[in-house]
Amino acid sequence: MKQTIGYRLEQYTLKRPQEVLIVTAEIDGEPDQITIFKGFSSSLMRPTDFDPDVPMLPAGTQIIAIDRLQSPYNPLTPRYIQQGLSLSEMEVLLQEVGV
């Protein structure tokens, strides 16, 4: 079974715990920003389900951009590694860590 992009991004952050991902996406026609850190996802724009098994990036989500930041994440002084990655650019990094 093919894993969703949300699950794969969560796995990426488990393998690279020094990174935080901020994903700008469109979910069900609505804009959202999701932060992913150490295997967990949380929305910055809408309520996050208490159940960690409920994906924040469900199948069919349109990924607009992915930012890689150094952890710990401080929204007042973010430390960017890369900004505005496309899903295809992120795919290279996912493959590097084996997810």
Protein backbone atom coordinates (compact mmCIF):
# COMPACT_ATOMS: atom_id res chain seq x y z
CA MET A 1 0.00 0.00 0.00
CA LYS A 2 1.32 3.42 -0.94
CA GLN A 3 1.78 5.77 2.00
CA THR A 4 0.23 9.25 1.93
CA ILE A 5 2.49 12.25 1.55
CA GLY A 6 1.55 13.38 5.07
CA TYR A 7 2.72 10.09 6.56
CA ARG A 8 5.94 10.21 4.56
CA LEU A 9 6.68 13.78 5.68
CA GLU A 10 6.09 12.74 9.29
CA GLN A 11 8.51 9.84 8.83
CA TYR A 12 11.06 12.22 7.30
CA THR A 13 10.98 14.37 10.46
CA LEU A 14 11.53 11.27 12.60
CA LYS A 15 14.68 10.56 10.60
CA ARG A 16 15.74 14.22 10.67
CA PRO A 17 14.64 15.43 14.12
CA GLN A 18 16.72 18.59 13.75
CA GLU A 19 14.25 19.80 11.10
CA VAL A 20 10.75 21.20 11.18
CA LEU A 21 8.63 21.22 8.03
CA ILE A 22 5.99 23.82 7.29
CA VAL A 23 3.71 22.68 4.52
CA THR A 24 1.51 25.18 2.71
CA ALA A 25 -1.38 23.23 1.22
CA GLU A 26 -4.94 23.29 -0.01
CA ILE A 27 -7.14 20.77 1.78
CA ASP A 28 -10.70 20.30 0.53
CA GLY A 29 -10.45 23.63 -1.28
CA GLU A 30 -9.33 25.50 1.85
CA PRO A 31 -5.83 26.92 2.46
CA ASP A 32 -3.88 25.54 5.40
CA GLN A 33 -0.39 25.50 6.85
CA ILE A 34 0.78 22.37 8.61
CA THR A 35 3.84 22.13 10.82
CA ILE A 36 5.48 18.70 11.05
CA PHE A 37 8.06 17.87 13.73
CA LYS A 38 9.32 14.55 15.10
CA GLY A 39 6.57 12.59 13.40
CA PHE A 40 3.62 14.76 14.41
CA SER A 41 1.54 17.19 12.37
CA SER A 42 -0.38 20.22 13.54
CA SER A 43 -2.35 22.84 11.66
CA LEU A 44 -1.38 26.46 12.11
CA MET A 45 -4.72 27.66 10.69
CA ARG A 46 -7.45 25.31 11.91
CA PRO A 47 -8.14 22.89 14.76
CA THR A 48 -5.93 19.81 14.96
CA ASP A 49 -7.60 16.49 15.79
CA PHE A 50 -6.53 14.98 19.12
CA ASP A 51 -6.14 11.57 17.43
CA PRO A 52 -2.62 11.42 15.89
CA ASP A 53 -3.87 8.75 13.47
CA VAL A 54 -6.11 11.30 11.73
CA PRO A 55 -3.93 12.68 8.92
CA MET A 56 -3.49 16.43 8.73
CA LEU A 57 -2.64 16.01 5.04
CA PRO A 58 -5.25 13.56 3.74
CA ALA A 59 -5.05 11.93 0.33
CA GLY A 60 -5.92 14.44 -2.38
CA THR A 61 -4.24 17.36 -0.61
CA GLN A 62 -2.63 19.84 -2.99
CA ILE A 63 0.86 20.70 -1.71
CA ILE A 64 1.74 24.27 -2.65
CA ALA A 65 5.14 24.60 -0.97
CA ILE A 66 7.29 23.03 1.75
CA ASP A 67 9.71 24.95 3.95
CA ARG A 68 12.50 23.24 5.90
CA LEU A 69 13.51 24.93 9.15
CA GLN A 70 15.96 24.21 11.93
CA SER A 71 14.44 23.11 15.20
CA PRO A 72 13.45 24.31 17.64
CA TYR A 73 10.88 26.29 15.68
CA ASN A 74 10.27 29.83 16.85
CA PRO A 75 7.69 31.65 14.69
CA LEU A 76 9.20 35.00 15.69
CA THR A 77 12.68 34.06 14.46
CA PRO A 78 12.42 31.12 12.04
CA ARG A 79 15.71 29.65 10.84
CA TYR A 80 15.13 28.45 7.30
CA ILE A 81 17.17 25.70 5.68
CA GLN A 82 15.18 25.88 2.41
CA GLN A 83 12.00 27.71 1.44
CA GLY A 84 9.34 27.07 -1.16
CA LEU A 85 10.24 23.50 -2.11
CA SER A 86 7.90 21.83 -4.55
CA LEU A 87 6.64 18.34 -3.84
CA SER A 88 8.98 16.94 -6.50
CA GLU A 89 11.96 18.68 -4.87
CA MET A 90 10.93 17.30 -1.47
CA GLU A 91 10.58 13.84 -3.00
CA VAL A 92 14.36 13.76 -3.54
CA LEU A 93 14.91 14.38 0.19
CA LEU A 94 12.31 11.76 1.12
CA GLN A 95 14.14 9.21 -1.00
CA GLU A 96 17.48 10.16 0.59
CA VAL A 97 16.16 9.11 4.01
CA GLY A 98 14.30 6.08 2.66
CA VAL A 99 10.66 7.11 3.07
